[in-house]
Each structure stands twice: as structure tokens, then as C-alpha cells.
């Protein structure tokens, strides 16, 4: 008579198998991936910060040159 495993045992076995498959990278490779992801996030944040500051600067310059009716749409277009 065959023995049947409970669903909880089956799910535990599946989790163990998935864990084994994902941990095939060495520690150095995992750390390298984390550094690469952190570098990408850092570049994205700096790009967004630069774009925001530049649009505000353009808006301020246009405010002094052309007035508020020109400055507000220019800032809202860039963002």
C-alpha cells in the first residue's frame, strides 16, 4: 500500500529543492551581484536628482526672465 505525503511535507520538500537551486552561486558571486544592484540604484538616484535640480533651476531662471506664466509650465514639462 503506497504512503502519501501530506501537503505540508510536499511543500517543505519543494522549498528545500528551490533553495538548493538558487544557492548555486558562490559567496563572491552573490556579493558581486549585490554590489552591481546597489551601483545601479545609486546611478538611478543620481540621475533623478540631477534632473529634478536642473528642472527647478530652469524654472527659477524662467521665472526671473519671463514671469510666472512661463516658468510653471516649463518646470512641469521636465518632471
N, C-alpha and C. Protein backbone atom coordinates (compact mmCIF):
# COMPACT_ATOMS: atom_id res chain seq x y z
N UNK A 1 0.84 -1.17 0.00
CA UNK A 1 0.00 0.00 0.00
C UNK A 1 0.89 1.24 0.00
N UNK A 2 0.72 2.16 -0.97
CA UNK A 2 1.60 3.34 -1.04
C UNK A 2 1.29 4.34 0.06
N UNK A 3 2.36 4.99 0.51
CA UNK A 3 2.20 6.02 1.51
C UNK A 3 2.12 7.37 0.82
N UNK A 4 1.22 8.18 1.25
CA UNK A 4 1.06 9.51 0.68
C UNK A 4 1.62 10.54 1.65
N UNK A 5 2.32 11.51 1.10
CA UNK A 5 2.86 12.59 1.91
C UNK A 5 1.81 13.67 2.08
N UNK A 6 1.83 14.29 3.22
CA UNK A 6 0.90 15.39 3.43
C UNK A 6 1.33 16.59 2.60
N UNK A 7 0.44 17.52 2.43
CA UNK A 7 0.75 18.71 1.63
C UNK A 7 1.85 19.53 2.27
N UNK A 8 1.89 19.57 3.60
CA UNK A 8 2.94 20.35 4.26
C UNK A 8 4.31 19.74 4.02
N UNK A 9 4.40 18.41 4.02
CA UNK A 9 5.68 17.77 3.74
C UNK A 9 6.10 18.01 2.29
N UNK A 10 5.14 17.96 1.39
CA UNK A 10 5.45 18.21 -0.02
C UNK A 10 5.93 19.64 -0.22
N UNK A 11 5.28 20.60 0.42
CA UNK A 11 5.68 21.99 0.26
C UNK A 11 7.06 22.22 0.87
N UNK A 12 7.36 21.57 2.00
CA UNK A 12 8.69 21.69 2.60
C UNK A 12 9.76 21.14 1.67
N UNK A 13 9.47 20.01 1.03
CA UNK A 13 10.44 19.42 0.11
C UNK A 13 10.65 20.32 -1.10
N UNK A 14 9.58 20.92 -1.60
CA UNK A 14 9.70 21.83 -2.75
C UNK A 14 10.52 23.06 -2.38
N UNK A 15 10.32 23.58 -1.17
CA UNK A 15 11.10 24.74 -0.72
C UNK A 15 12.57 24.39 -0.60
N UNK A 16 12.86 23.20 -0.09
CA UNK A 16 14.26 22.78 0.04
C UNK A 16 14.91 22.66 -1.34
N UNK A 17 14.18 22.10 -2.30
CA UNK A 17 14.72 21.96 -3.65
C UNK A 17 14.95 23.33 -4.28
N UNK A 18 14.02 24.24 -4.10
CA UNK A 18 14.17 25.58 -4.66
C UNK A 18 15.34 26.29 -4.01
N UNK A 19 15.54 26.11 -2.73
CA UNK A 19 16.64 26.74 -2.02
C UNK A 19 17.97 26.21 -2.55
N UNK A 20 18.04 24.91 -2.80
CA UNK A 20 19.28 24.31 -3.32
C UNK A 20 19.59 24.86 -4.72
N UNK A 21 18.57 25.05 -5.53
CA UNK A 21 18.77 25.53 -6.89
C UNK A 21 19.22 26.99 -6.92
N UNK A 22 18.70 27.80 -6.02
CA UNK A 22 19.05 29.22 -6.03
C UNK A 22 20.39 29.49 -5.38
N UNK A 23 20.87 28.60 -4.53
CA UNK A 23 22.13 28.84 -3.84
C UNK A 23 23.33 28.24 -4.58
N UNK A 24 23.23 28.12 -5.90
CA UNK A 24 24.34 27.57 -6.67
C UNK A 24 25.45 28.59 -6.86
N UNK A 25 25.18 29.87 -6.64
CA UNK A 25 26.21 30.90 -6.77
C UNK A 25 27.11 30.89 -5.53
N UNK A 26 28.37 31.16 -5.77
CA UNK A 26 29.29 31.24 -4.65
C UNK A 26 29.05 32.55 -3.89
N UNK A 27 29.66 32.66 -2.74
CA UNK A 27 29.50 33.86 -1.92
C UNK A 27 30.05 35.08 -2.65
N UNK A 28 31.17 34.93 -3.33
CA UNK A 28 31.75 36.06 -4.08
C UNK A 28 30.80 36.52 -5.18
N UNK A 29 30.18 35.57 -5.88
CA UNK A 29 29.26 35.93 -6.95
C UNK A 29 28.01 36.62 -6.41
N UNK A 30 27.50 36.15 -5.26
CA UNK A 30 26.34 36.79 -4.65
C UNK A 30 26.66 38.22 -4.23
N UNK A 31 27.83 38.41 -3.62
CA UNK A 31 28.23 39.76 -3.22
C UNK A 31 28.45 40.66 -4.42
N UNK A 32 28.99 40.10 -5.50
CA UNK A 32 29.18 40.89 -6.72
C UNK A 32 27.85 41.33 -7.29
N UNK A 33 26.85 40.46 -7.27
CA UNK A 33 25.53 40.82 -7.75
C UNK A 33 24.91 41.91 -6.89
N UNK A 34 25.09 41.81 -5.58
CA UNK A 34 24.56 42.84 -4.69
C UNK A 34 25.22 44.18 -4.94
N UNK A 35 26.55 44.18 -5.15
CA UNK A 35 27.26 45.43 -5.45
C UNK A 35 26.78 46.03 -6.75
N UNK A 36 26.57 45.18 -7.74
CA UNK A 36 26.10 45.67 -9.04
C UNK A 36 24.71 46.28 -8.93
N UNK A 37 23.83 45.64 -8.17
CA UNK A 37 22.47 46.17 -7.98
C UNK A 37 22.52 47.49 -7.22
N UNK A 38 23.37 47.57 -6.21
CA UNK A 38 23.49 48.81 -5.44
C UNK A 38 24.04 49.93 -6.31
N UNK A 39 24.99 49.62 -7.17
CA UNK A 39 25.55 50.62 -8.08
C UNK A 39 24.48 51.12 -9.05
N UNK A 40 23.65 50.22 -9.56
CA UNK A 40 22.56 50.62 -10.46
C UNK A 40 21.57 51.54 -9.78
N UNK A 41 21.20 51.20 -8.52
CA UNK A 41 20.28 52.07 -7.78
C UNK A 41 20.90 53.44 -7.53
N UNK A 42 22.19 53.45 -7.21
CA UNK A 42 22.88 54.72 -6.95
C UNK A 42 22.89 55.60 -8.19
N UNK A 43 23.16 55.00 -9.35
CA UNK A 43 23.16 55.76 -10.61
C UNK A 43 21.77 56.30 -10.93
N UNK A 44 20.74 55.51 -10.70
CA UNK A 44 19.37 55.96 -10.96
C UNK A 44 19.00 57.13 -10.06
N UNK A 45 19.34 57.03 -8.79
CA UNK A 45 19.03 58.11 -7.85
C UNK A 45 19.76 59.39 -8.24
N UNK A 46 21.02 59.26 -8.63
CA UNK A 46 21.77 60.46 -9.02
C UNK A 46 21.19 61.08 -10.29
N UNK A 47 20.75 60.25 -11.22
CA UNK A 47 20.14 60.76 -12.45
C UNK A 47 18.84 61.51 -12.14
N UNK A 48 18.00 60.93 -11.29
CA UNK A 48 16.74 61.58 -10.93
C UNK A 48 16.99 62.88 -10.16
N UNK A 49 17.98 62.87 -9.29
CA UNK A 49 18.30 64.07 -8.53
C UNK A 49 18.79 65.18 -9.46
N UNK A 50 19.66 64.85 -10.38
CA UNK A 50 20.18 65.83 -11.33
C UNK A 50 19.06 66.41 -12.19
N UNK A 51 18.17 65.54 -12.66
CA UNK A 51 17.06 66.00 -13.49
C UNK A 51 16.13 66.92 -12.71
N UNK A 52 15.86 66.58 -11.47
CA UNK A 52 14.98 67.41 -10.65
C UNK A 52 15.58 68.78 -10.40
N UNK A 53 16.85 68.80 -9.99
CA UNK A 53 17.50 70.08 -9.72
C UNK A 53 17.62 70.94 -10.97
N UNK A 54 17.90 70.30 -12.10
CA UNK A 54 18.03 71.09 -13.32
C UNK A 54 16.68 71.68 -13.74
N UNK A 55 15.59 70.93 -13.56
CA UNK A 55 14.28 71.48 -13.93
C UNK A 55 13.88 72.62 -13.01
N UNK A 56 14.23 72.51 -11.72
CA UNK A 56 13.94 73.61 -10.80
C UNK A 56 14.77 74.83 -11.16
N UNK A 57 16.02 74.61 -11.52
CA UNK A 57 16.89 75.73 -11.91
C UNK A 57 16.35 76.42 -13.16
N UNK A 58 15.92 75.65 -14.14
CA UNK A 58 15.34 76.24 -15.35
C UNK A 58 14.09 77.03 -15.00
N UNK A 59 13.27 76.49 -14.10
CA UNK A 59 12.06 77.19 -13.69
C UNK A 59 12.36 78.51 -13.00
N UNK A 60 13.37 78.51 -12.13
CA UNK A 60 13.74 79.75 -11.45
C UNK A 60 14.26 80.78 -12.44
N UNK A 61 15.11 80.34 -13.36
CA UNK A 61 15.64 81.27 -14.36
C UNK A 61 14.51 81.84 -15.22
N UNK A 62 13.59 80.98 -15.65
CA UNK A 62 12.48 81.46 -16.46
C UNK A 62 11.54 82.37 -15.67
N UNK A 63 11.43 82.14 -14.37
CA UNK A 63 10.60 82.99 -13.54
C UNK A 63 11.14 84.42 -13.54
N UNK A 64 12.48 84.54 -13.41
CA UNK A 64 13.06 85.88 -13.39
C UNK A 64 13.08 86.52 -14.78
N UNK A 65 13.19 85.71 -15.81
CA UNK A 65 13.26 86.26 -17.16
C UNK A 65 11.87 86.53 -17.73
N UNK A 66 10.99 85.53 -17.67
CA UNK A 66 9.71 85.67 -18.37
C UNK A 66 8.49 85.76 -17.51
N UNK A 67 8.61 85.60 -16.23
CA UNK A 67 7.44 85.69 -15.36
C UNK A 67 6.90 84.31 -15.02
N UNK A 68 5.90 84.31 -14.16
CA UNK A 68 5.38 83.05 -13.63
C UNK A 68 4.61 82.25 -14.68
N UNK A 69 4.00 82.90 -15.65
CA UNK A 69 3.23 82.19 -16.67
C UNK A 69 4.12 81.35 -17.56
N UNK A 70 5.39 81.68 -17.67
CA UNK A 70 6.34 80.92 -18.48
C UNK A 70 7.05 79.87 -17.62
N UNK A 71 7.33 80.19 -16.37
CA UNK A 71 8.15 79.33 -15.52
C UNK A 71 7.43 78.06 -15.09
N UNK A 72 6.18 78.15 -14.68
CA UNK A 72 5.48 76.99 -14.12
C UNK A 72 5.30 75.89 -15.17
N UNK A 73 4.85 76.17 -16.38
CA UNK A 73 4.73 75.09 -17.37
C UNK A 73 6.08 74.48 -17.74
N UNK A 74 7.14 75.27 -17.72
CA UNK A 74 8.46 74.73 -18.08
C UNK A 74 8.92 73.73 -17.03
N UNK A 75 8.67 73.99 -15.77
CA UNK A 75 9.09 73.06 -14.71
C UNK A 75 8.23 71.80 -14.77
N UNK A 76 6.94 71.95 -15.01
CA UNK A 76 6.08 70.79 -15.02
C UNK A 76 6.32 69.90 -16.24
N UNK A 77 6.80 70.44 -17.33
CA UNK A 77 7.11 69.62 -18.51
C UNK A 77 8.32 68.75 -18.26
N UNK A 78 9.34 69.24 -17.58
CA UNK A 78 10.57 68.50 -17.37
C UNK A 78 10.40 67.34 -16.39
N UNK A 79 9.53 67.49 -15.43
CA UNK A 79 9.37 66.47 -14.40
C UNK A 79 8.46 65.42 -14.91
